Amino acid sequence: SVLQGSGGIGYRSSLGALGVIVIVVFIVVVVAVVVLVAVVAVVVVAVAVAVVAVVLVVVAVAVVVVLVVLVLLLFVLVVVAGVAVLFVLVLVVLAVLVLVAVAGVASKLKTMATPR
């Protein structure tokens, strides 16, 4: 009976140890799950931040490209306008020269024609 009793006590103590082990394992699993969830959340946030950063960089590059294109277009417009103004000025000068020449020739013809 002493053996039975000791056996029973041993069984009970082993059950208690088993319970403690189960509780410890449960706590470890819960902590591990919480840590895993936290790590996953941090990774997700980091990925989201990285994606946002990439999007911001792409937007910034696009804005810079658009600005550069606009500046280039403006430059081209200024050059074209300058060339057009120069062209018009040259045409005006040529027209004035032609008018002066025609007037000079006409006056010469008149002075040549009048004595006769």
PDB file of N, CA and C in Angstrom:
ATOM      1  N   SER A   1       0.832  -1.209   0.000  1.00  0.00           N
ATOM      2  CA  SER A   1       0.000   0.000   0.000  1.00  0.00           C
ATOM      3  C   SER A   1       0.861   1.250   0.000  1.00  0.00           C
ATOM      4  N   VAL A   2       2.001   1.119   0.661  1.00  0.00           N
ATOM      5  CA  VAL A   2       2.938   2.242   0.661  1.00  0.00           C
ATOM      6  C   VAL A   2       3.412   2.503  -0.759  1.00  0.00           C
ATOM      7  N   LEU A   3       3.715   1.443  -1.502  1.00  0.00           N
ATOM      8  CA  LEU A   3       4.158   1.576  -2.889  1.00  0.00           C
ATOM      9  C   LEU A   3       3.036   2.218  -3.727  1.00  0.00           C
ATOM     10  N   GLN A   4       1.797   1.684  -3.480  1.00  0.00           N
ATOM     11  CA  GLN A   4       0.656   2.261  -4.211  1.00  0.00           C
ATOM     12  C   GLN A   4       0.543   3.762  -3.918  1.00  0.00           C
ATOM     13  N   GLY A   5       0.644   4.104  -2.665  1.00  0.00           N
ATOM     14  CA  GLY A   5       0.526   5.508  -2.250  1.00  0.00           C
ATOM     15  C   GLY A   5       1.615   6.348  -2.872  1.00  0.00           C
ATOM     16  N   SER A   6       2.855   5.819  -2.771  1.00  0.00           N
ATOM     17  CA  SER A   6       3.951   6.575  -3.360  1.00  0.00           C
ATOM     18  C   SER A   6       3.751   6.680  -4.873  1.00  0.00           C
ATOM     19  N   GLY A   7       3.254   5.531  -5.433  1.00  0.00           N
ATOM     20  CA  GLY A   7       2.965   5.538  -6.871  1.00  0.00           C
ATOM     21  C   GLY A   7       1.934   6.594  -7.204  1.00  0.00           C
ATOM     22  N   GLY A   8       0.884   6.671  -6.391  1.00  0.00           N
ATOM     23  CA  GLY A   8      -0.170   7.651  -6.611  1.00  0.00           C
ATOM     24  C   GLY A   8       0.364   9.065  -6.491  1.00  0.00           C
ATOM     25  N   ILE A   9       1.209   9.289  -5.475  1.00  0.00           N
ATOM     26  CA  ILE A   9       1.784  10.616  -5.268  1.00  0.00           C
ATOM     27  C   ILE A   9       2.681  10.962  -6.461  1.00  0.00           C
ATOM     28  N   GLY A  10       3.495   9.984  -6.888  1.00  0.00           N
ATOM     29  CA  GLY A  10       4.365  10.196  -8.049  1.00  0.00           C
ATOM     30  C   GLY A  10       3.548  10.544  -9.284  1.00  0.00           C
ATOM     31  N   TYR A  11       2.438   9.799  -9.475  1.00  0.00           N
ATOM     32  CA  TYR A  11       1.551  10.058 -10.612  1.00  0.00           C
ATOM     33  C   TYR A  11       1.005  11.487 -10.547  1.00  0.00           C
ATOM     34  N   ARG A  12       0.534  11.832  -9.303  1.00  0.00           N
ATOM     35  CA  ARG A  12      -0.011  13.183  -9.138  1.00  0.00           C
ATOM     36  C   ARG A  12       1.060  14.244  -9.408  1.00  0.00           C
ATOM     37  N   SER A  13       2.243  14.054  -8.851  1.00  0.00           N
ATOM     38  CA  SER A  13       3.305  15.045  -9.028  1.00  0.00           C
ATOM     39  C   SER A  13       3.697  15.122 -10.510  1.00  0.00           C
ATOM     40  N   SER A  14       3.699  13.975 -11.192  1.00  0.00           N
ATOM     41  CA  SER A  14       4.013  13.984 -12.624  1.00  0.00           C
ATOM     42  C   SER A  14       2.913  14.730 -13.391  1.00  0.00           C
ATOM     43  N   LEU A  15       1.657  14.515 -12.968  1.00  0.00           N
ATOM     44  CA  LEU A  15       0.541  15.271 -13.578  1.00  0.00           C
ATOM     45  C   LEU A  15       0.731  16.771 -13.358  1.00  0.00           C
ATOM     46  N   GLY A  16       1.100  17.143 -12.125  1.00  0.00           N
ATOM     47  CA  GLY A  16       1.352  18.555 -11.810  1.00  0.00           C
ATOM     48  C   GLY A  16       2.468  19.103 -12.668  1.00  0.00           C
ATOM     49  N   ALA A  17       3.552  18.322 -12.800  1.00  0.00           N
ATOM     50  CA  ALA A  17       4.688  18.748 -13.646  1.00  0.00           C
ATOM     51  C   ALA A  17       4.215  18.893 -15.087  1.00  0.00           C
ATOM     52  N   LEU A  18       3.420  17.939 -15.544  1.00  0.00           N
ATOM     53  CA  LEU A  18       2.869  17.980 -16.891  1.00  0.00           C
ATOM     54  C   LEU A  18       2.028  19.252 -17.085  1.00  0.00           C
ATOM     55  N   GLY A  19       1.200  19.559 -16.059  1.00  0.00           N
ATOM     56  CA  GLY A  19       0.388  20.778 -16.114  1.00  0.00           C
ATOM     57  C   GLY A  19       1.262  22.015 -16.224  1.00  0.00           C
ATOM     58  N   VAL A  20       2.324  22.063 -15.404  1.00  0.00           N
ATOM     59  CA  VAL A  20       3.245  23.201 -15.448  1.00  0.00           C
ATOM     60  C   VAL A  20       3.885  23.298 -16.828  1.00  0.00           C
ATOM     61  N   ILE A  21       4.330  22.149 -17.373  1.00  0.00           N
ATOM     62  CA  ILE A  21       4.954  22.118 -18.708  1.00  0.00           C
ATOM     63  C   ILE A  21       3.956  22.623 -19.758  1.00  0.00           C
ATOM     64  N   VAL A  22       2.707  22.147 -19.667  1.00  0.00           N
ATOM     65  CA  VAL A  22       1.658  22.579 -20.614  1.00  0.00           C
ATOM     66  C   VAL A  22       1.466  24.091 -20.521  1.00  0.00           C
ATOM     67  N   ILE A  23       1.400  24.619 -19.287  1.00  0.00           N
ATOM     68  CA  ILE A  23       1.205  26.062 -19.081  1.00  0.00           C
ATOM     69  C   ILE A  23       2.393  26.835 -19.669  1.00  0.00           C
ATOM     70  N   VAL A  24       3.621  26.339 -19.364  1.00  0.00           N
ATOM     71  CA  VAL A  24       4.829  26.998 -19.872  1.00  0.00           C
ATOM     72  C   VAL A  24       4.836  26.974 -21.405  1.00  0.00           C
ATOM     73  N   VAL A  25       4.545  25.801 -21.984  1.00  0.00           N
ATOM     74  CA  VAL A  25       4.499  25.668 -23.451  1.00  0.00           C
ATOM     75  C   VAL A  25       3.451  26.625 -24.024  1.00  0.00           C
ATOM     76  N   PHE A  26       2.263  26.674 -23.388  1.00  0.00           N
ATOM     77  CA  PHE A  26       1.196  27.568 -23.841  1.00  0.00           C
ATOM     78  C   PHE A  26       1.664  29.026 -23.829  1.00  0.00           C
ATOM     79  N   ILE A  27       2.315  29.421 -22.691  1.00  0.00           N
ATOM     80  CA  ILE A  27       2.825  30.799 -22.567  1.00  0.00           C
ATOM     81  C   ILE A  27       3.863  31.071 -23.658  1.00  0.00           C
ATOM     82  N   VAL A  28       4.795  30.110 -23.849  1.00  0.00           N
ATOM     83  CA  VAL A  28       5.834  30.269 -24.878  1.00  0.00           C
ATOM     84  C   VAL A  28       5.194  30.414 -26.254  1.00  0.00           C
ATOM     85  N   VAL A  29       4.192  29.571 -26.539  1.00  0.00           N
ATOM     86  CA  VAL A  29       3.508  29.632 -27.844  1.00  0.00           C
ATOM     87  C   VAL A  29       2.814  30.976 -28.010  1.00  0.00           C
ATOM     88  N   VAL A  30       2.121  31.425 -26.952  1.00  0.00           N
ATOM     89  CA  VAL A  30       1.418  32.725 -27.024  1.00  0.00           C
ATOM     90  C   VAL A  30       2.424  33.844 -27.266  1.00  0.00           C
ATOM     91  N   VAL A  31       3.538  33.831 -26.492  1.00  0.00           N
ATOM     92  CA  VAL A  31       4.573  34.858 -26.660  1.00  0.00           C
ATOM     93  C   VAL A  31       5.143  34.797 -28.070  1.00  0.00           C
ATOM     94  N   ALA A  32       5.426  33.565 -28.549  1.00  0.00           N
ATOM     95  CA  ALA A  32       5.972  33.392 -29.897  1.00  0.00           C
ATOM     96  C   ALA A  32       5.003  33.950 -30.946  1.00  0.00           C
ATOM     97  N   VAL A  33       3.714  33.638 -30.779  1.00  0.00           N
ATOM     98  CA  VAL A  33       2.695  34.131 -31.732  1.00  0.00           C
ATOM     99  C   VAL A  33       2.637  35.653 -31.699  1.00  0.00           C
ATOM    100  N   VAL A  34       2.659  36.217 -30.466  1.00  0.00           N
ATOM    101  CA  VAL A  34       2.614  37.684 -30.331  1.00  0.00           C
ATOM    102  C   VAL A  34       3.841  38.306 -31.001  1.00  0.00           C
ATOM    103  N   VAL A  35       5.024  37.710 -30.711  1.00  0.00           N
ATOM    104  CA  VAL A  35       6.262  38.219 -31.320  1.00  0.00           C
ATOM    105  C   VAL A  35       6.189  38.098 -32.834  1.00  0.00           C
ATOM    106  N   LEU A  36       5.699  36.958 -33.314  1.00  0.00           N
ATOM    107  CA  LEU A  36       5.582  36.735 -34.767  1.00  0.00           C
ATOM    108  C   LEU A  36       4.644  37.769 -35.399  1.00  0.00           C
ATOM    109  N   VAL A  37       3.491  37.975 -34.734  1.00  0.00           N
ATOM    110  CA  VAL A  37       2.525  38.970 -35.231  1.00  0.00           C
ATOM    111  C   VAL A  37       3.169  40.356 -35.253  1.00  0.00           C
ATOM    112  N   ALA A  38       3.905  40.672 -34.172  1.00  0.00           N
ATOM    113  CA  ALA A  38       4.572  41.975 -34.100  1.00  0.00           C
ATOM    114  C   ALA A  38       5.599  42.113 -35.222  1.00  0.00           C
ATOM    115  N   VAL A  39       6.397  41.056 -35.444  1.00  0.00           N
ATOM    116  CA  VAL A  39       7.411  41.084 -36.511  1.00  0.00           C
ATOM    117  C   VAL A  39       6.744  41.247 -37.872  1.00  0.00           C
ATOM    118  N   VAL A  40       5.659  40.469 -38.084  1.00  0.00           N
ATOM    119  CA  VAL A  40       4.925  40.570 -39.362  1.00  0.00           C
ATOM    120  C   VAL A  40       4.375  41.984 -39.541  1.00  0.00           C
ATOM    121  N   ALA A  41       3.811  42.541 -38.456  1.00  0.00           N
ATOM    122  CA  ALA A  41       3.269  43.912 -38.519  1.00  0.00           C
ATOM    123  C   ALA A  41       4.370  44.904 -38.860  1.00  0.00           C
ATOM    124  N   VAL A  42       5.539  44.751 -38.190  1.00  0.00           N
ATOM    125  CA  VAL A  42       6.674  45.649 -38.464  1.00  0.00           C
ATOM    126  C   VAL A  42       7.114  45.512 -39.920  1.00  0.00           C
ATOM    127  N   VAL A  43       7.192  44.251 -40.397  1.00  0.00           N
ATOM    128  CA  VAL A  43       7.602  44.015 -41.789  1.00  0.00           C
ATOM    129  C   VAL A  43       6.592  44.647 -42.755  1.00  0.00           C
ATOM    130  N   VAL A  44       5.300  44.441 -42.457  1.00  0.00           N
ATOM    131  CA  VAL A  44       4.247  45.012 -43.315  1.00  0.00           C
ATOM    132  C   VAL A  44       4.351  46.536 -43.345  1.00  0.00           C
ATOM    133  N   VAL A  45       4.531  47.122 -42.135  1.00  0.00           N
ATOM    134  CA  VAL A  45       4.666  48.586 -42.056  1.00  0.00           C
ATOM    135  C   VAL A  45       5.903  49.038 -42.830  1.00  0.00           C
ATOM    136  N   ALA A  46       7.034  48.292 -42.647  1.00  0.00           N
ATOM    137  CA  ALA A  46       8.268  48.650 -43.353  1.00  0.00           C
ATOM    138  C   ALA A  46       8.064  48.575 -44.866  1.00  0.00           C
ATOM    139  N   VAL A  47       7.401  47.509 -45.323  1.00  0.00           N
ATOM    140  CA  VAL A  47       7.128  47.350 -46.761  1.00  0.00           C
ATOM    141  C   VAL A  47       6.228  48.480 -47.253  1.00  0.00           C
ATOM    142  N   ALA A  48       5.196  48.795 -46.455  1.00  0.00           N
ATOM    143  CA  ALA A  48       4.281  49.889 -46.831  1.00  0.00           C
ATOM    144  C   ALA A  48       5.049  51.207 -46.931  1.00  0.00           C
ATOM    145  N   VAL A  49       5.910  51.459 -45.929  1.00  0.00           N
ATOM    146  CA  VAL A  49       6.727  52.694 -45.941  1.00  0.00           C
ATOM    147  C   VAL A  49       7.636  52.706 -47.161  1.00  0.00           C
ATOM    148  N   ALA A  50       8.251  51.542 -47.456  1.00  0.00           N
ATOM    149  CA  ALA A  50       9.136  51.447 -48.624  1.00  0.00           C
ATOM    150  C   ALA A  50       8.356  51.719 -49.908  1.00  0.00           C
ATOM    151  N   VAL A  51       7.145  51.130 -49.999  1.00  0.00           N
ATOM    152  CA  VAL A  51       6.301  51.343 -51.195  1.00  0.00           C
ATOM    153  C   VAL A  51       5.945  52.819 -51.325  1.00  0.00           C
ATOM    154  N   VAL A  52       5.539  53.429 -50.196  1.00  0.00           N
ATOM    155  CA  VAL A  52       5.193  54.866 -50.208  1.00  0.00           C
ATOM    156  C   VAL A  52       6.407  55.688 -50.630  1.00  0.00           C
ATOM    157  N   ALA A  53       7.587  55.322 -50.083  1.00  0.00           N
ATOM    158  CA  ALA A  53       8.812  56.052 -50.432  1.00  0.00           C
ATOM    159  C   ALA A  53       9.103  55.922 -51.925  1.00  0.00           C
ATOM    160  N   VAL A  54       8.956  54.699 -52.456  1.00  0.00           N
ATOM    161  CA  VAL A  54       9.187  54.480 -53.886  1.00  0.00           C
ATOM    162  C   VAL A  54       8.201  55.299 -54.716  1.00  0.00           C
ATOM    163  N   VAL A  55       6.923  55.275 -54.297  1.00  0.00           N
ATOM    164  CA  VAL A  55       5.894  56.055 -55.010  1.00  0.00           C
ATOM    165  C   VAL A  55       6.247  57.545 -54.976  1.00  0.00           C
ATOM    166  N   LEU A  56       6.665  58.026 -53.787  1.00  0.00           N
ATOM    167  CA  LEU A  56       7.043  59.443 -53.659  1.00  0.00           C
ATOM    168  C   LEU A  56       8.226  59.778 -54.568  1.00  0.00           C
ATOM    169  N   VAL A  57       9.219  58.877 -54.600  1.00  0.00           N
ATOM    170  CA  VAL A  57      10.384  59.096 -55.465  1.00  0.00           C
ATOM    171  C   VAL A  57       9.950  59.138 -56.925  1.00  0.00           C
ATOM    172  N   VAL A  58       9.079  58.193 -57.313  1.00  0.00           N
ATOM    173  CA  VAL A  58       8.589  58.151 -58.708  1.00  0.00           C
ATOM    174  C   VAL A  58       7.843  59.444 -59.037  1.00  0.00           C
ATOM    175  N   VAL A  59       6.981  59.877 -58.106  1.00  0.00           N
ATOM    176  CA  VAL A  59       6.221  61.132 -58.313  1.00  0.00           C
ATOM    177  C   VAL A  59       7.185  62.313 -58.439  1.00  0.00           C
ATOM    178  N   ALA A  60       8.192  62.350 -57.543  1.00  0.00           N
ATOM    179  CA  ALA A  60       9.173  63.443 -57.582  1.00  0.00           C
ATOM    180  C   ALA A  60       9.919  63.452 -58.920  1.00  0.00           C
ATOM    181  N   VAL A  61      10.342  62.261 -59.365  1.00  0.00           N
ATOM    182  CA  VAL A  61      11.046  62.150 -60.651  1.00  0.00           C
ATOM    183  C   VAL A  61      10.134  62.606 -61.787  1.00  0.00           C
ATOM    184  N   ALA A  62       8.872  62.176 -61.739  1.00  0.00           N
ATOM    185  CA  ALA A  62       7.907  62.569 -62.781  1.00  0.00           C
ATOM    186  C   ALA A  62       7.740  64.092 -62.803  1.00  0.00           C
ATOM    187  N   VAL A  63       7.614  64.694 -61.604  1.00  0.00           N
ATOM    188  CA  VAL A  63       7.464  66.155 -61.515  1.00  0.00           C
ATOM    189  C   VAL A  63       8.691  66.848 -62.094  1.00  0.00           C
ATOM    190  N   VAL A  64       9.888  66.341 -61.722  1.00  0.00           N
ATOM    191  CA  VAL A  64      11.131  66.939 -62.235  1.00  0.00           C
ATOM    192  C   VAL A  64      11.183  66.813 -63.758  1.00  0.00           C
ATOM    193  N   VAL A  65      10.825  65.630 -64.272  1.00  0.00           N
ATOM    194  CA  VAL A  65      10.833  65.422 -65.727  1.00  0.00           C
ATOM    195  C   VAL A  65       9.873  66.389 -66.409  1.00  0.00           C
ATOM    196  N   VAL A  66       8.662  66.513 -65.844  1.00  0.00           N
ATOM    197  CA  VAL A  66       7.657  67.441 -66.416  1.00  0.00           C
ATOM    198  C   VAL A  66       8.198  68.868 -66.404  1.00  0.00           C
ATOM    199  N   LEU A  67       8.811  69.270 -65.276  1.00  0.00           N
ATOM    200  CA  LEU A  67       9.369  70.626 -65.174  1.00  0.00           C
ATOM    201  C   LEU A  67      10.467  70.836 -66.215  1.00  0.00           C
ATOM    202  N   VAL A  68      11.352  69.830 -66.347  1.00  0.00           N
ATOM    203  CA  VAL A  68      12.436  69.942 -67.333  1.00  0.00           C
ATOM    204  C   VAL A  68      11.858  70.066 -68.745  1.00  0.00           C
ATOM    205  N   VAL A  69      10.851  69.236 -69.041  1.00  0.00           N
ATOM    206  CA  VAL A  69      10.216  69.295 -70.370  1.00  0.00           C
ATOM    207  C   VAL A  69       9.588  70.666 -70.592  1.00  0.00           C
ATOM    208  N   LEU A  70       8.904  71.181 -69.559  1.00  0.00           N
ATOM    209  CA  LEU A  70       8.280  72.505 -69.682  1.00  0.00           C
ATOM    210  C   LEU A  70       9.335  73.591 -69.927  1.00  0.00           C
ATOM    211  N   VAL A  71      10.440  73.514 -69.171  1.00  0.00           N
ATOM    212  CA  VAL A  71      11.517  74.499 -69.349  1.00  0.00           C
ATOM    213  C   VAL A  71      12.089  74.400 -70.757  1.00  0.00           C
ATOM    214  N   LEU A  72      12.300  73.160 -71.222  1.00  0.00           N
ATOM    215  CA  LEU A  72      12.827  72.968 -72.582  1.00  0.00           C
ATOM    216  C   LEU A  72      11.853  73.531 -73.618  1.00  0.00           C
ATOM    217  N   LEU A  73      10.544  73.256 -73.430  1.00  0.00           N
ATOM    218  CA  LEU A  73       9.531  73.787 -74.351  1.00  0.00           C
ATOM    219  C   LEU A  73       9.561  75.316 -74.357  1.00  0.00           C
ATOM    220  N   LEU A  74       9.651  75.890 -73.152  1.00  0.00           N
ATOM    221  CA  LEU A  74       9.728  77.349 -73.027  1.00  0.00           C
ATOM    222  C   LEU A  74      10.951  77.878 -73.774  1.00  0.00           C
ATOM    223  N   PHE A  75      12.098  77.188 -73.561  1.00  0.00           N
ATOM    224  CA  PHE A  75      13.335  77.579 -74.244  1.00  0.00           C
ATOM    225  C   PHE A  75      13.149  77.524 -75.758  1.00  0.00           C
ATOM    226  N   VAL A  76      12.548  76.407 -76.237  1.00  0.00           N
ATOM    227  CA  VAL A  76      12.307  76.250 -77.677  1.00  0.00           C
ATOM    228  C   VAL A  76      11.395  77.365 -78.179  1.00  0.00           C
ATOM    229  N   LEU A  77      10.336  77.658 -77.392  1.00  0.00           N
ATOM    230  CA  LEU A  77       9.411  78.733 -77.785  1.00  0.00           C
ATOM    231  C   LEU A  77      10.140  80.075 -77.876  1.00  0.00           C
ATOM    232  N   VAL A  78      10.988  80.342 -76.873  1.00  0.00           N
ATOM    233  CA  VAL A  78      11.751  81.602 -76.874  1.00  0.00           C
ATOM    234  C   VAL A  78      12.660  81.661 -78.094  1.00  0.00           C
ATOM    235  N   VAL A  79      13.355  80.547 -78.375  1.00  0.00           N
ATOM    236  CA  VAL A  79      14.253  80.504 -79.542  1.00  0.00           C
ATOM    237  C   VAL A  79      13.458  80.717 -80.821  1.00  0.00           C
ATOM    238  N   VAL A  80      12.322  79.990 -80.942  1.00  0.00           N
ATOM    239  CA  VAL A  80      11.482  80.126 -82.152  1.00  0.00           C
ATOM    240  C   VAL A  80      10.985  81.561 -82.288  1.00  0.00           C
ATOM    241  N   ALA A  81      10.528  82.116 -81.143  1.00  0.00           N
ATOM    242  CA  ALA A  81      10.030  83.503 -81.172  1.00  0.00           C
ATOM    243  C   ALA A  81      11.159  84.453 -81.570  1.00  0.00           C
ATOM    244  N   GLY A  82      12.361  84.227 -81.005  1.00  0.00           N
ATOM    245  CA  GLY A  82      13.515  85.060 -81.358  1.00  0.00           C
ATOM    246  C   GLY A  82      13.839  84.973 -82.830  1.00  0.00           C
ATOM    247  N   VAL A  83      13.845  83.745 -83.359  1.00  0.00           N
ATOM    248  CA  VAL A  83      14.127  83.542 -84.791  1.00  0.00           C
ATOM    249  C   VAL A  83      13.048  84.227 -85.630  1.00  0.00           C
ATOM    250  N   ALA A  84      11.781  84.067 -85.213  1.00  0.00           N
ATOM    251  CA  ALA A  84      10.675  84.694 -85.949  1.00  0.00           C
ATOM    252  C   ALA A  84      10.828  86.216 -85.948  1.00  0.00           C
ATOM    253  N   VAL A  85      11.154  86.779 -84.770  1.00  0.00           N
ATOM    254  CA  VAL A  85      11.345  88.241 -84.675  1.00  0.00           C
ATOM    255  C   VAL A  85      12.496  88.679 -85.577  1.00  0.00           C
ATOM    256  N   LEU A  86      13.607  87.925 -85.527  1.00  0.00           N
ATOM    257  CA  LEU A  86      14.755  88.242 -86.388  1.00  0.00           C
ATOM    258  C   LEU A  86      14.346  88.192 -87.862  1.00  0.00           C
ATOM    259  N   PHE A  87      13.590  87.127 -88.203  1.00  0.00           N
ATOM    260  CA  PHE A  87      13.134  86.956 -89.585  1.00  0.00           C
ATOM    261  C   PHE A  87      12.286  88.146 -90.016  1.00  0.00           C
ATOM    262  N   VAL A  88      11.326  88.541 -89.131  1.00  0.00           N
ATOM    263  CA  VAL A  88      10.459  89.684 -89.430  1.00  0.00           C
ATOM    264  C   VAL A  88      11.306  90.957 -89.578  1.00  0.00           C
ATOM    265  N   LEU A  89      12.276  91.139 -88.660  1.00  0.00           N
ATOM    266  CA  LEU A  89      13.149  92.318 -88.733  1.00  0.00           C
ATOM    267  C   LEU A  89      13.914  92.337 -90.054  1.00  0.00           C
ATOM    268  N   VAL A  90      14.460  91.188 -90.434  1.00  0.00           N
ATOM    269  CA  VAL A  90      15.196  91.094 -91.709  1.00  0.00           C
ATOM    270  C   VAL A  90      14.273  91.433 -92.865  1.00  0.00           C
ATOM    271  N   LEU A  91      13.040  90.886 -92.824  1.00  0.00           N
ATOM    272  CA  LEU A  91      12.068  91.186 -93.889  1.00  0.00           C
ATOM    273  C   LEU A  91      11.771  92.682 -93.929  1.00  0.00           C
ATOM    274  N   VAL A  92      11.559  93.291 -92.760  1.00  0.00           N
ATOM    275  CA  VAL A  92      11.262  94.728 -92.707  1.00  0.00           C
ATOM    276  C   VAL A  92      12.438  95.529 -93.271  1.00  0.00           C
ATOM    277  N   VAL A  93      13.660  95.166 -92.849  1.00  0.00           N
ATOM    278  CA  VAL A  93      14.855  95.874 -93.344  1.00  0.00           C
ATOM    279  C   VAL A  93      14.951  95.730 -94.857  1.00  0.00           C
ATOM    280  N   LEU A  94      14.747  94.483 -95.342  1.00  0.00           N
ATOM    281  CA  LEU A  94      14.798  94.256 -96.796  1.00  0.00           C
ATOM    282  C   LEU A  94      13.730  95.074 -97.507  1.00  0.00           C
ATOM    283  N   ALA A  95      12.513  95.098 -96.952  1.00  0.00           N
ATOM    284  CA  ALA A  95      11.426  95.868 -97.567  1.00  0.00           C
ATOM    285  C   ALA A  95      11.786  97.349 -97.607  1.00  0.00           C
ATOM    286  N   VAL A  96      12.330  97.866 -96.494  1.00  0.00           N
ATOM    287  CA  VAL A  96      12.727  99.281 -96.455  1.00  0.00           C
ATOM    288  C   VAL A  96      13.806  99.548 -97.500  1.00  0.00           C
ATOM    289  N   LEU A  97      14.830  98.654 -97.569  1.00  0.00           N
ATOM    290  CA  LEU A  97      15.903  98.802 -98.549  1.00  0.00           C
ATOM    291  C   LEU A  97      15.340  98.789 -99.972  1.00  0.00           C
ATOM    292  N   VAL A  98      14.425  97.851-100.217  1.00  0.00           N
ATOM    293  CA  VAL A  98      13.813  97.768-101.553  1.00  0.00           C
ATOM    294  C   VAL A  98      13.050  99.052-101.856  1.00  0.00           C
ATOM    295  N   LEU A  99      12.255  99.540-100.875  1.00  0.00           N
ATOM    296  CA  LEU A  99      11.489 100.780-101.068  1.00  0.00           C
ATOM    297  C   LEU A  99      12.432 101.953-101.343  1.00  0.00           C
ATOM    298  N   VAL A 100      13.510 102.039-100.541  1.00  0.00           N
ATOM    299  CA  VAL A 100      14.490 103.116-100.733  1.00  0.00           C
ATOM    300  C   VAL A 100      15.106 103.017-102.119  1.00  0.00           C
ATOM    301  N   ALA A 101      15.477 101.793-102.499  1.00  0.00           N
ATOM    302  CA  ALA A 101      16.083 101.577-103.814  1.00  0.00           C
ATOM    303  C   ALA A 101      15.107 101.960-104.924  1.00  0.00           C
ATOM    304  N   VAL A 102      13.866 101.495-104.772  1.00  0.00           N
ATOM    305  CA  VAL A 102      12.845 101.822-105.792  1.00  0.00           C
ATOM    306  C   VAL A 102      12.630 103.330-105.854  1.00  0.00           C
ATOM    307  N   ALA A 103      12.539 103.992-104.696  1.00  0.00           N
ATOM    308  CA  ALA A 103      12.353 105.442-104.666  1.00  0.00           C
ATOM    309  C   ALA A 103      13.548 106.134-105.289  1.00  0.00           C
ATOM    310  N   GLY A 104      14.760 105.637-104.963  1.00  0.00           N
ATOM    311  CA  GLY A 104      15.970 106.225-105.545  1.00  0.00           C
ATOM    312  C   GLY A 104      15.980 106.072-107.053  1.00  0.00           C
ATOM    313  N   VAL A 105      15.670 104.884-107.539  1.00  0.00           N
ATOM    314  CA  VAL A 105      15.633 104.633-108.992  1.00  0.00           C
ATOM    315  C   VAL A 105      14.558 105.504-109.631  1.00  0.00           C
ATOM    316  N   ALA A 106      13.400 105.596-108.969  1.00  0.00           N
ATOM    317  CA  ALA A 106      12.306 106.411-109.523  1.00  0.00           C
ATOM    318  C   ALA A 106      12.718 107.872-109.608  1.00  0.00           C
ATOM    319  N   SER A 107      13.339 108.395-108.556  1.00  0.00           N
ATOM    320  CA  SER A 107      13.761 109.799-108.567  1.00  0.00           C
ATOM    321  C   SER A 107      14.836 110.012-109.631  1.00  0.00           C
ATOM    322  N   LYS A 108      15.746 109.044-109.781  1.00  0.00           N
ATOM    323  CA  LYS A 108      16.776 109.140-110.824  1.00  0.00           C
ATOM    324  C   LYS A 108      16.122 109.152-112.199  1.00  0.00           C
ATOM    325  N   LEU A 109      15.151 108.246-112.379  1.00  0.00           N
ATOM    326  CA  LEU A 109      14.448 108.199-113.661  1.00  0.00           C
ATOM    327  C   LEU A 109      13.748 109.534-113.930  1.00  0.00           C
ATOM    328  N   LYS A 110      13.126 110.110-112.879  1.00  0.00           N
ATOM    329  CA  LYS A 110      12.443 111.404-113.014  1.00  0.00           C
ATOM    330  C   LYS A 110      13.454 112.485-113.399  1.00  0.00           C
ATOM    331  N   THR A 111      14.585 112.534-112.646  1.00  0.00           N
ATOM    332  CA  THR A 111      15.589 113.571-112.935  1.00  0.00           C
ATOM    333  C   THR A 111      16.172 113.353-114.312  1.00  0.00           C
ATOM    334  N   MET A 112      16.312 112.087-114.733  1.00  0.00           N
ATOM    335  CA  MET A 112      16.825 111.819-116.082  1.00  0.00           C
ATOM    336  C   MET A 112      15.784 112.201-117.146  1.00  0.00           C
ATOM    337  N   ALA A 113      14.499 111.996-116.789  1.00  0.00           N
ATOM    338  CA  ALA A 113      13.446 112.217-117.783  1.00  0.00           C
ATOM    339  C   ALA A 113      13.119 113.704-117.932  1.00  0.00           C
ATOM    340  N   THR A 114      13.229 114.462-116.838  1.00  0.00           N
ATOM    341  CA  THR A 114      12.766 115.859-116.905  1.00  0.00           C
ATOM    342  C   THR A 114      13.574 116.735-117.879  1.00  0.00           C
ATOM    343  N   PRO A 115      14.927 116.680-117.934  1.00  0.00           N
ATOM    344  CA  PRO A 115      15.621 117.586-118.853  1.00  0.00           C
ATOM    345  C   PRO A 115      15.257 117.323-120.309  1.00  0.00           C
ATOM    346  N   ARG A 116      15.067 116.043-120.636  1.00  0.00           N
ATOM    347  CA  ARG A 116      14.696 115.731-122.019  1.00  0.00           C
ATOM    348  C   ARG A 116      13.275 116.198-122.241  1.00  0.00           C
TER     349      ARG A 116
END
